Amino acid sequence: MADLLGRFREPIHPDSLPILCKDLLHCHLGGDAAILDPRTGIYYGLNRVGARIWDHIAGQKTVAQIERDLIEEFDVEPAVCSGDLSRFLKRMADSDLVRIEHAAL
């Protein structure tokens, strides 16, 4: 039976650092973005919010920094932003588009 929760199981913390995986090709299409994983040949499409998150990841910001920027830019409630961002990052990690580095305790 397939794992319905995805492969990425570690919790994402505010000080976690999402990092783009190497060799991905991406471009902006208006406010949206497209990503090509040349290893698999799979294209991914991101809406305006997903594209902004992708830009923040490329800037090597922590989850807390990304969340703070998104709350300001999109006027979203912090709890909603936190949950949506965490789910987005887990899906990106499950698709091998980003890896999540955790600060040493």
PDB file of N, CA and C in Angstrom:
ATOM      1  N   MET A   1       0.843  -1.184   0.000  1.00  0.00           N
ATOM      2  CA  MET A   1       0.000   0.000   0.000  1.00  0.00           C
ATOM      3  C   MET A   1       0.886   1.245   0.000  1.00  0.00           C
ATOM      4  N   ALA A   2       0.547   2.208  -0.809  1.00  0.00           N
ATOM      5  CA  ALA A   2       1.331   3.442  -0.912  1.00  0.00           C
ATOM      6  C   ALA A   2       1.240   4.227   0.383  1.00  0.00           C
ATOM      7  N   ASP A   3       2.322   4.922   0.695  1.00  0.00           N
ATOM      8  CA  ASP A   3       2.359   5.783   1.869  1.00  0.00           C
ATOM      9  C   ASP A   3       1.605   7.067   1.551  1.00  0.00           C
ATOM     10  N   LEU A   4       0.430   7.226   2.132  1.00  0.00           N
ATOM     11  CA  LEU A   4      -0.419   8.372   1.820  1.00  0.00           C
ATOM     12  C   LEU A   4       0.097   9.673   2.408  1.00  0.00           C
ATOM     13  N   LEU A   5       0.998   9.592   3.373  1.00  0.00           N
ATOM     14  CA  LEU A   5       1.524  10.800   4.004  1.00  0.00           C
ATOM     15  C   LEU A   5       2.803  11.294   3.325  1.00  0.00           C
ATOM     16  N   GLY A   6       3.267  10.594   2.332  1.00  0.00           N
ATOM     17  CA  GLY A   6       4.492  10.998   1.661  1.00  0.00           C
ATOM     18  C   GLY A   6       5.711  10.433   2.372  1.00  0.00           C
ATOM     19  N   ARG A   7       6.851  10.670   1.789  1.00  0.00           N
ATOM     20  CA  ARG A   7       8.091  10.125   2.331  1.00  0.00           C
ATOM     21  C   ARG A   7       8.710  11.016   3.387  1.00  0.00           C
ATOM     22  N   PHE A   8       8.556  12.333   3.260  1.00  0.00           N
ATOM     23  CA  PHE A   8       9.198  13.253   4.185  1.00  0.00           C
ATOM     24  C   PHE A   8       8.447  13.250   5.508  1.00  0.00           C
ATOM     25  N   ARG A   9       9.066  12.751   6.540  1.00  0.00           N
ATOM     26  CA  ARG A   9       8.388  12.594   7.817  1.00  0.00           C
ATOM     27  C   ARG A   9       8.907  13.516   8.909  1.00  0.00           C
ATOM     28  N   GLU A  10      10.078  14.105   8.745  1.00  0.00           N
ATOM     29  CA  GLU A  10      10.617  14.968   9.788  1.00  0.00           C
ATOM     30  C   GLU A  10       9.796  16.247   9.876  1.00  0.00           C
ATOM     31  N   PRO A  11       9.582  16.731  11.097  1.00  0.00           N
ATOM     32  CA  PRO A  11       8.845  17.997  11.222  1.00  0.00           C
ATOM     33  C   PRO A  11       9.674  19.147  10.656  1.00  0.00           C
ATOM     34  N   ILE A  12       8.985  20.096  10.113  1.00  0.00           N
ATOM     35  CA  ILE A  12       9.648  21.292   9.599  1.00  0.00           C
ATOM     36  C   ILE A  12       9.542  22.360  10.681  1.00  0.00           C
ATOM     37  N   HIS A  13      10.676  22.884  11.082  1.00  0.00           N
ATOM     38  CA  HIS A  13      10.755  23.869  12.155  1.00  0.00           C
ATOM     39  C   HIS A  13      10.988  25.263  11.574  1.00  0.00           C
ATOM     40  N   PRO A  14      10.710  26.306  12.348  1.00  0.00           N
ATOM     41  CA  PRO A  14      10.953  27.668  11.865  1.00  0.00           C
ATOM     42  C   PRO A  14      12.397  27.918  11.446  1.00  0.00           C
ATOM     43  N   ASP A  15      13.352  27.236  12.088  1.00  0.00           N
ATOM     44  CA  ASP A  15      14.751  27.459  11.735  1.00  0.00           C
ATOM     45  C   ASP A  15      15.255  26.485  10.664  1.00  0.00           C
ATOM     46  N   SER A  16      14.370  25.627  10.153  1.00  0.00           N
ATOM     47  CA  SER A  16      14.743  24.726   9.058  1.00  0.00           C
ATOM     48  C   SER A  16      15.054  25.550   7.810  1.00  0.00           C
ATOM     49  N   LEU A  17      15.977  25.032   7.005  1.00  0.00           N
ATOM     50  CA  LEU A  17      16.387  25.725   5.785  1.00  0.00           C
ATOM     51  C   LEU A  17      16.065  24.858   4.571  1.00  0.00           C
ATOM     52  N   PRO A  18      15.034  25.250   3.790  1.00  0.00           N
ATOM     53  CA  PRO A  18      14.760  24.516   2.550  1.00  0.00           C
ATOM     54  C   PRO A  18      15.765  24.935   1.477  1.00  0.00           C
ATOM     55  N   ILE A  19      16.303  23.961   0.768  1.00  0.00           N
ATOM     56  CA  ILE A  19      17.316  24.220  -0.260  1.00  0.00           C
ATOM     57  C   ILE A  19      16.885  23.540  -1.552  1.00  0.00           C
ATOM     58  N   LEU A  20      16.982  24.284  -2.659  1.00  0.00           N
ATOM     59  CA  LEU A  20      16.635  23.722  -3.964  1.00  0.00           C
ATOM     60  C   LEU A  20      17.591  22.603  -4.321  1.00  0.00           C
ATOM     61  N   CYS A  21      17.067  21.508  -4.842  1.00  0.00           N
ATOM     62  CA  CYS A  21      17.909  20.419  -5.315  1.00  0.00           C
ATOM     63  C   CYS A  21      18.620  20.842  -6.593  1.00  0.00           C
ATOM     64  N   LYS A  22      19.766  20.269  -6.804  1.00  0.00           N
ATOM     65  CA  LYS A  22      20.586  20.642  -7.963  1.00  0.00           C
ATOM     66  C   LYS A  22      19.965  20.171  -9.273  1.00  0.00           C
ATOM     67  N   ASP A  23      20.351  20.844 -10.326  1.00  0.00           N
ATOM     68  CA  ASP A  23      20.018  20.474 -11.700  1.00  0.00           C
ATOM     69  C   ASP A  23      18.572  20.728 -12.109  1.00  0.00           C
ATOM     70  N   LEU A  24      17.782  21.365 -11.257  1.00  0.00           N
ATOM     71  CA  LEU A  24      16.416  21.697 -11.647  1.00  0.00           C
ATOM     72  C   LEU A  24      16.419  22.914 -12.554  1.00  0.00           C
ATOM     73  N   LEU A  25      15.545  22.915 -13.520  1.00  0.00           N
ATOM     74  CA  LEU A  25      15.381  24.068 -14.401  1.00  0.00           C
ATOM     75  C   LEU A  25      14.051  24.720 -14.046  1.00  0.00           C
ATOM     76  N   HIS A  26      14.063  26.032 -13.928  1.00  0.00           N
ATOM     77  CA  HIS A  26      12.809  26.710 -13.596  1.00  0.00           C
ATOM     78  C   HIS A  26      12.761  28.072 -14.276  1.00  0.00           C
ATOM     79  N   CYS A  27      11.534  28.512 -14.515  1.00  0.00           N
ATOM     80  CA  CYS A  27      11.337  29.828 -15.107  1.00  0.00           C
ATOM     81  C   CYS A  27       9.997  30.382 -14.635  1.00  0.00           C
ATOM     82  N   HIS A  28       9.896  31.689 -14.702  1.00  0.00           N
ATOM     83  CA  HIS A  28       8.648  32.362 -14.356  1.00  0.00           C
ATOM     84  C   HIS A  28       7.792  32.498 -15.608  1.00  0.00           C
ATOM     85  N   LEU A  29       6.507  32.321 -15.423  1.00  0.00           N
ATOM     86  CA  LEU A  29       5.536  32.454 -16.510  1.00  0.00           C
ATOM     87  C   LEU A  29       4.451  33.396 -16.012  1.00  0.00           C
ATOM     88  N   GLY A  30       4.647  34.685 -16.240  1.00  0.00           N
ATOM     89  CA  GLY A  30       3.748  35.662 -15.632  1.00  0.00           C
ATOM     90  C   GLY A  30       4.003  35.628 -14.142  1.00  0.00           C
ATOM     91  N   GLY A  31       2.988  35.440 -13.337  1.00  0.00           N
ATOM     92  CA  GLY A  31       3.164  35.317 -11.898  1.00  0.00           C
ATOM     93  C   GLY A  31       3.395  33.890 -11.454  1.00  0.00           C
ATOM     94  N   ASP A  32       3.207  32.935 -12.353  1.00  0.00           N
ATOM     95  CA  ASP A  32       3.375  31.524 -12.032  1.00  0.00           C
ATOM     96  C   ASP A  32       4.810  31.091 -12.331  1.00  0.00           C
ATOM     97  N   ALA A  33       5.106  29.824 -12.115  1.00  0.00           N
ATOM     98  CA  ALA A  33       6.437  29.298 -12.415  1.00  0.00           C
ATOM     99  C   ALA A  33       6.308  27.861 -12.912  1.00  0.00           C
ATOM    100  N   ALA A  34       7.303  27.446 -13.671  1.00  0.00           N
ATOM    101  CA  ALA A  34       7.397  26.062 -14.131  1.00  0.00           C
ATOM    102  C   ALA A  34       8.755  25.519 -13.711  1.00  0.00           C
ATOM    103  N   ILE A  35       8.756  24.263 -13.302  1.00  0.00           N
ATOM    104  CA  ILE A  35       9.978  23.595 -12.882  1.00  0.00           C
ATOM    105  C   ILE A  35      10.096  22.315 -13.691  1.00  0.00           C
ATOM    106  N   LEU A  36      11.285  22.053 -14.190  1.00  0.00           N
ATOM    107  CA  LEU A  36      11.558  20.792 -14.875  1.00  0.00           C
ATOM    108  C   LEU A  36      12.632  20.062 -14.099  1.00  0.00           C
ATOM    109  N   ASP A  37      12.354  18.822 -13.756  1.00  0.00           N
ATOM    110  CA  ASP A  37      13.356  17.955 -13.158  1.00  0.00           C
ATOM    111  C   ASP A  37      13.924  17.110 -14.291  1.00  0.00           C
ATOM    112  N   PRO A  38      15.116  17.452 -14.803  1.00  0.00           N
ATOM    113  CA  PRO A  38      15.657  16.717 -15.948  1.00  0.00           C
ATOM    114  C   PRO A  38      16.013  15.269 -15.624  1.00  0.00           C
ATOM    115  N   ARG A  39      16.138  14.946 -14.348  1.00  0.00           N
ATOM    116  CA  ARG A  39      16.428  13.556 -13.969  1.00  0.00           C
ATOM    117  C   ARG A  39      15.237  12.657 -14.266  1.00  0.00           C
ATOM    118  N   THR A  40      14.016  13.213 -14.115  1.00  0.00           N
ATOM    119  CA  THR A  40      12.811  12.411 -14.303  1.00  0.00           C
ATOM    120  C   THR A  40      12.012  12.826 -15.535  1.00  0.00           C
ATOM    121  N   GLY A  41      12.283  14.030 -16.052  1.00  0.00           N
ATOM    122  CA  GLY A  41      11.515  14.551 -17.170  1.00  0.00           C
ATOM    123  C   GLY A  41      10.156  15.091 -16.760  1.00  0.00           C
ATOM    124  N   ILE A  42       9.921  15.241 -15.467  1.00  0.00           N
ATOM    125  CA  ILE A  42       8.633  15.715 -14.972  1.00  0.00           C
ATOM    126  C   ILE A  42       8.649  17.237 -14.835  1.00  0.00           C
ATOM    127  N   TYR A  43       7.572  17.849 -15.353  1.00  0.00           N
ATOM    128  CA  TYR A  43       7.346  19.285 -15.188  1.00  0.00           C
ATOM    129  C   TYR A  43       6.403  19.506 -14.012  1.00  0.00           C
ATOM    130  N   TYR A  44       6.653  20.566 -13.278  1.00  0.00           N
ATOM    131  CA  TYR A  44       5.785  20.969 -12.179  1.00  0.00           C
ATOM    132  C   TYR A  44       5.345  22.404 -12.431  1.00  0.00           C
ATOM    133  N   GLY A  45       4.106  22.691 -12.160  1.00  0.00           N
ATOM    134  CA  GLY A  45       3.596  24.047 -12.296  1.00  0.00           C
ATOM    135  C   GLY A  45       3.279  24.622 -10.926  1.00  0.00           C
ATOM    136  N   LEU A  46       3.669  25.861 -10.715  1.00  0.00           N
ATOM    137  CA  LEU A  46       3.387  26.540  -9.454  1.00  0.00           C
ATOM    138  C   LEU A  46       2.530  27.771  -9.723  1.00  0.00           C
ATOM    139  N   ASN A  47       1.515  27.946  -8.900  1.00  0.00           N
ATOM    140  CA  ASN A  47       0.713  29.163  -9.007  1.00  0.00           C
ATOM    141  C   ASN A  47       1.504  30.344  -8.426  1.00  0.00           C
ATOM    142  N   ARG A  48       0.867  31.473  -8.342  1.00  0.00           N
ATOM    143  CA  ARG A  48       1.544  32.703  -7.898  1.00  0.00           C
ATOM    144  C   ARG A  48       2.157  32.547  -6.510  1.00  0.00           C
ATOM    145  N   VAL A  49       1.424  31.947  -5.582  1.00  0.00           N
ATOM    146  CA  VAL A  49       1.939  31.781  -4.215  1.00  0.00           C
ATOM    147  C   VAL A  49       3.085  30.772  -4.206  1.00  0.00           C
ATOM    148  N   GLY A  50       2.907  29.655  -4.885  1.00  0.00           N
ATOM    149  CA  GLY A  50       3.968  28.659  -4.969  1.00  0.00           C
ATOM    150  C   GLY A  50       5.230  29.226  -5.605  1.00  0.00           C
ATOM    151  N   ALA A  51       5.062  30.057  -6.630  1.00  0.00           N
ATOM    152  CA  ALA A  51       6.212  30.683  -7.287  1.00  0.00           C
ATOM    153  C   ALA A  51       6.951  31.614  -6.331  1.00  0.00           C
ATOM    154  N   ARG A  52       6.220  32.333  -5.497  1.00  0.00           N
ATOM    155  CA  ARG A  52       6.855  33.230  -4.518  1.00  0.00           C
ATOM    156  C   ARG A  52       7.609  32.413  -3.474  1.00  0.00           C
ATOM    157  N   ILE A  53       7.022  31.300  -3.038  1.00  0.00           N
ATOM    158  CA  ILE A  53       7.733  30.446  -2.084  1.00  0.00           C
ATOM    159  C   ILE A  53       9.015  29.926  -2.724  1.00  0.00           C
ATOM    160  N   TRP A  54       8.925  29.499  -3.970  1.00  0.00           N
ATOM    161  CA  TRP A  54      10.093  28.998  -4.709  1.00  0.00           C
ATOM    162  C   TRP A  54      11.185  30.063  -4.754  1.00  0.00           C
ATOM    163  N   ASP A  55      10.804  31.308  -5.012  1.00  0.00           N
ATOM    164  CA  ASP A  55      11.776  32.409  -5.027  1.00  0.00           C
ATOM    165  C   ASP A  55      12.452  32.570  -3.673  1.00  0.00           C
ATOM    166  N   HIS A  56      11.678  32.458  -2.605  1.00  0.00           N
ATOM    167  CA  HIS A  56      12.241  32.589  -1.257  1.00  0.00           C
ATOM    168  C   HIS A  56      13.191  31.438  -0.947  1.00  0.00           C
ATOM    169  N   ILE A  57      12.849  30.232  -1.393  1.00  0.00           N
ATOM    170  CA  ILE A  57      13.736  29.092  -1.173  1.00  0.00           C
ATOM    171  C   ILE A  57      15.055  29.331  -1.908  1.00  0.00           C
ATOM    172  N   ALA A  58      14.972  29.832  -3.125  1.00  0.00           N
ATOM    173  CA  ALA A  58      16.179  30.116  -3.909  1.00  0.00           C
ATOM    174  C   ALA A  58      17.053  31.160  -3.212  1.00  0.00           C
ATOM    175  N   GLY A  59      16.437  32.003  -2.401  1.00  0.00           N
ATOM    176  CA  GLY A  59      17.178  33.009  -1.651  1.00  0.00           C
ATOM    177  C   GLY A  59      17.761  32.479  -0.358  1.00  0.00           C
ATOM    178  N   GLN A  60      17.609  31.194  -0.129  1.00  0.00           N
ATOM    179  CA  GLN A  60      18.126  30.495   1.042  1.00  0.00           C
ATOM    180  C   GLN A  60      17.693  31.159   2.345  1.00  0.00           C
ATOM    181  N   LYS A  61      16.394  31.256   2.513  1.00  0.00           N
ATOM    182  CA  LYS A  61      15.813  31.789   3.739  1.00  0.00           C
ATOM    183  C   LYS A  61      15.307  30.638   4.594  1.00  0.00           C
ATOM    184  N   THR A  62      15.271  30.858   5.902  1.00  0.00           N
ATOM    185  CA  THR A  62      14.700  29.852   6.797  1.00  0.00           C
ATOM    186  C   THR A  62      13.187  29.836   6.621  1.00  0.00           C
ATOM    187  N   VAL A  63      12.563  28.807   7.150  1.00  0.00           N
ATOM    188  CA  VAL A  63      11.110  28.692   7.086  1.00  0.00           C
ATOM    189  C   VAL A  63      10.464  29.909   7.770  1.00  0.00           C
ATOM    190  N   ALA A  64      11.006  30.330   8.901  1.00  0.00           N
ATOM    191  CA  ALA A  64      10.457  31.492   9.616  1.00  0.00           C
ATOM    192  C   ALA A  64      10.541  32.756   8.766  1.00  0.00           C
ATOM    193  N   GLN A  65      11.648  32.950   8.071  1.00  0.00           N
ATOM    194  CA  GLN A  65      11.801  34.129   7.210  1.00  0.00           C
ATOM    195  C   GLN A  65      10.820  34.081   6.041  1.00  0.00           C
ATOM    196  N   ILE A  66      10.667  32.913   5.438  1.00  0.00           N
ATOM    197  CA  ILE A  66       9.731  32.758   4.322  1.00  0.00           C
ATOM    198  C   ILE A  66       8.315  33.031   4.802  1.00  0.00           C
ATOM    199  N   GLU A  67       7.957  32.454   5.938  1.00  0.00           N
ATOM    200  CA  GLU A  67       6.616  32.643   6.483  1.00  0.00           C
ATOM    201  C   GLU A  67       6.340  34.118   6.765  1.00  0.00           C
ATOM    202  N   ARG A  68       7.280  34.791   7.371  1.00  0.00           N
ATOM    203  CA  ARG A  68       7.127  36.220   7.684  1.00  0.00           C
ATOM    204  C   ARG A  68       6.907  37.029   6.402  1.00  0.00           C
ATOM    205  N   ASP A  69       7.682  36.746   5.373  1.00  0.00           N
ATOM    206  CA  ASP A  69       7.545  37.467   4.099  1.00  0.00           C
ATOM    207  C   ASP A  69       6.192  37.194   3.445  1.00  0.00           C
ATOM    208  N   LEU A  70       5.742  35.930   3.482  1.00  0.00           N
ATOM    209  CA  LEU A  70       4.461  35.583   2.862  1.00  0.00           C
ATOM    210  C   LEU A  70       3.284  36.227   3.588  1.00  0.00           C
ATOM    211  N   ILE A  71       3.338  36.256   4.914  1.00  0.00           N
ATOM    212  CA  ILE A  71       2.274  36.886   5.699  1.00  0.00           C
ATOM    213  C   ILE A  71       2.144  38.350   5.319  1.00  0.00           C
ATOM    214  N   GLU A  72       3.267  38.999   5.170  1.00  0.00           N
ATOM    215  CA  GLU A  72       3.267  40.416   4.798  1.00  0.00           C
ATOM    216  C   GLU A  72       2.794  40.619   3.357  1.00  0.00           C
ATOM    217  N   GLU A  73       3.286  39.798   2.455  1.00  0.00           N
ATOM    218  CA  GLU A  73       2.975  39.971   1.034  1.00  0.00           C
ATOM    219  C   GLU A  73       1.531  39.616   0.686  1.00  0.00           C
ATOM    220  N   PHE A  74       0.994  38.552   1.305  1.00  0.00           N
ATOM    221  CA  PHE A  74      -0.327  38.057   0.925  1.00  0.00           C
ATOM    222  C   PHE A  74      -1.409  38.332   1.964  1.00  0.00           C
ATOM    223  N   ASP A  75      -1.073  39.005   3.050  1.00  0.00           N
ATOM    224  CA  ASP A  75      -2.044  39.342   4.085  1.00  0.00           C
ATOM    225  C   ASP A  75      -2.843  38.109   4.499  1.00  0.00           C
ATOM    226  N   VAL A  76      -2.112  37.084   4.927  1.00  0.00           N
ATOM    227  CA  VAL A  76      -2.703  35.809   5.334  1.00  0.00           C
ATOM    228  C   VAL A  76      -2.493  35.627   6.835  1.00  0.00           C
ATOM    229  N   GLU A  77      -3.405  34.926   7.461  1.00  0.00           N
ATOM    230  CA  GLU A  77      -3.285  34.654   8.895  1.00  0.00           C
ATOM    231  C   GLU A  77      -2.044  33.785   9.152  1.00  0.00           C
ATOM    232  N   PRO A  78      -1.293  34.061  10.205  1.00  0.00           N
ATOM    233  CA  PRO A  78      -0.075  33.296  10.488  1.00  0.00           C
ATOM    234  C   PRO A  78      -0.296  31.786  10.590  1.00  0.00           C
ATOM    235  N   ALA A  79      -1.353  31.352  11.248  1.00  0.00           N
ATOM    236  CA  ALA A  79      -1.591  29.908  11.392  1.00  0.00           C
ATOM    237  C   ALA A  79      -1.877  29.252  10.047  1.00  0.00           C
ATOM    238  N   VAL A  80      -2.618  29.937   9.197  1.00  0.00           N
ATOM    239  CA  VAL A  80      -2.923  29.421   7.862  1.00  0.00           C
ATOM    240  C   VAL A  80      -1.638  29.352   7.036  1.00  0.00           C
ATOM    241  N   CYS A  81      -0.855  30.413   7.082  1.00  0.00           N
ATOM    242  CA  CYS A  81       0.400  30.467   6.325  1.00  0.00           C
ATOM    243  C   CYS A  81       1.343  29.357   6.774  1.00  0.00           C
ATOM    244  N   SER A  82       1.475  29.176   8.072  1.00  0.00           N
ATOM    245  CA  SER A  82       2.377  28.160   8.604  1.00  0.00           C
ATOM    246  C   SER A  82       1.995  26.766   8.130  1.00  0.00           C
ATOM    247  N   GLY A  83       0.719  26.427   8.213  1.00  0.00           N
ATOM    248  CA  GLY A  83       0.259  25.106   7.777  1.00  0.00           C
ATOM    249  C   GLY A  83       0.428  24.901   6.283  1.00  0.00           C
ATOM    250  N   ASP A  84       0.040  25.910   5.499  1.00  0.00           N
ATOM    251  CA  ASP A  84       0.155  25.799   4.043  1.00  0.00           C
ATOM    252  C   ASP A  84       1.617  25.701   3.612  1.00  0.00           C
ATOM    253  N   LEU A  85       2.483  26.498   4.226  1.00  0.00           N
ATOM    254  CA  LEU A  85       3.902  26.477   3.875  1.00  0.00           C
ATOM    255  C   LEU A  85       4.515  25.124   4.221  1.00  0.00           C
ATOM    256  N   SER A  86       4.176  24.601   5.375  1.00  0.00           N
ATOM    257  CA  SER A  86       4.708  23.300   5.781  1.00  0.00           C
ATOM    258  C   SER A  86       4.276  22.202   4.808  1.00  0.00           C
ATOM    259  N   ARG A  87       3.003  22.198   4.435  1.00  0.00           N
ATOM    260  CA  ARG A  87       2.512  21.190   3.477  1.00  0.00           C
ATOM    261  C   ARG A  87       3.205  21.346   2.117  1.00  0.00           C
ATOM    262  N   PHE A  88       3.377  22.580   1.651  1.00  0.00           N
ATOM    263  CA  PHE A  88       4.048  22.836   0.378  1.00  0.00           C
ATOM    264  C   PHE A  88       5.484  22.298   0.424  1.00  0.00           C
ATOM    265  N   LEU A  89       6.212  22.617   1.484  1.00  0.00           N
ATOM    266  CA  LEU A  89       7.603  22.180   1.589  1.00  0.00           C
ATOM    267  C   LEU A  89       7.712  20.661   1.673  1.00  0.00           C
ATOM    268  N   LYS A  90       6.787  20.020   2.379  1.00  0.00           N
ATOM    269  CA  LYS A  90       6.803  18.561   2.454  1.00  0.00           C
ATOM    270  C   LYS A  90       6.547  17.944   1.078  1.00  0.00           C
ATOM    271  N   ARG A  91       5.626  18.526   0.319  1.00  0.00           N
ATOM    272  CA  ARG A  91       5.353  18.009  -1.039  1.00  0.00           C
ATOM    273  C   ARG A  91       6.566  18.210  -1.943  1.00  0.00           C
ATOM    274  N   MET A  92       7.228  19.353  -1.812  1.00  0.00           N
ATOM    275  CA  MET A  92       8.427  19.605  -2.610  1.00  0.00           C
ATOM    276  C   MET A  92       9.545  18.634  -2.224  1.00  0.00           C
ATOM    277  N   ALA A  93       9.673  18.353  -0.926  1.00  0.00           N
ATOM    278  CA  ALA A  93      10.687  17.396  -0.466  1.00  0.00           C
ATOM    279  C   ALA A  93      10.356  15.990  -0.951  1.00  0.00           C
ATOM    280  N   ASP A  94       9.079  15.607  -0.900  1.00  0.00           N
ATOM    281  CA  ASP A  94       8.658  14.292  -1.388  1.00  0.00           C
ATOM    282  C   ASP A  94       8.932  14.126  -2.881  1.00  0.00           C
ATOM    283  N   SER A  95       8.890  15.231  -3.621  1.00  0.00           N
ATOM    284  CA  SER A  95       9.136  15.194  -5.067  1.00  0.00           C
ATOM    285  C   SER A  95      10.605  15.390  -5.405  1.00  0.00           C
ATOM    286  N   ASP A  96      11.459  15.459  -4.384  1.00  0.00           N
ATOM    287  CA  ASP A  96      12.903  15.663  -4.558  1.00  0.00           C
ATOM    288  C   ASP A  96      13.228  16.973  -5.270  1.00  0.00           C
ATOM    289  N   LEU A  97      12.424  17.988  -5.020  1.00  0.00           N
ATOM    290  CA  LEU A  97      12.687  19.308  -5.578  1.00  0.00           C
ATOM    291  C   LEU A  97      13.423  20.191  -4.578  1.00  0.00           C
ATOM    292  N   VAL A  98      13.216  19.933  -3.301  1.00  0.00           N
ATOM    293  CA  VAL A  98      13.952  20.624  -2.244  1.00  0.00           C
ATOM    294  C   VAL A  98      14.384  19.603  -1.211  1.00  0.00           C
ATOM    295  N   ARG A  99      15.398  19.968  -0.471  1.00  0.00           N
ATOM    296  CA  ARG A  99      15.764  19.194   0.714  1.00  0.00           C
ATOM    297  C   ARG A  99      15.658  20.154   1.896  1.00  0.00           C
ATOM    298  N   ILE A 100      15.352  19.610   3.051  1.00  0.00           N
ATOM    299  CA  ILE A 100      15.172  20.423   4.237  1.00  0.00           C
ATOM    300  C   ILE A 100      16.332  20.158   5.183  1.00  0.00           C
ATOM    301  N   GLU A 101      17.098  21.196   5.457  1.00  0.00           N
ATOM    302  CA  GLU A 101      18.184  21.074   6.412  1.00  0.00           C
ATOM    303  C   GLU A 101      17.700  21.624   7.746  1.00  0.00           C
ATOM    304  N   HIS A 102      18.035  20.914   8.799  1.00  0.00           N
ATOM    305  CA  HIS A 102      17.615  21.295  10.140  1.00  0.00           C
ATOM    306  C   HIS A 102      18.819  21.815  10.923  1.00  0.00           C
ATOM    307  N   ALA A 103      18.590  22.849  11.703  1.00  0.00           N
ATOM    308  CA  ALA A 103      19.653  23.396  12.535  1.00  0.00           C
ATOM    309  C   ALA A 103      20.046  22.354  13.569  1.00  0.00           C
ATOM    310  N   ALA A 104      21.319  22.320  13.877  1.00  0.00           N
ATOM    311  CA  ALA A 104      21.799  21.397  14.908  1.00  0.00           C
ATOM    312  C   ALA A 104      21.255  21.829  16.260  1.00  0.00           C
ATOM    313  N   LEU A 105      20.840  20.854  17.041  1.00  0.00           N
ATOM    314  CA  LEU A 105      20.303  21.159  18.372  1.00  0.00           C
ATOM    315  C   LEU A 105      21.394  21.326  19.379  1.00  0.00           C
TER     316      LEU A 105
END
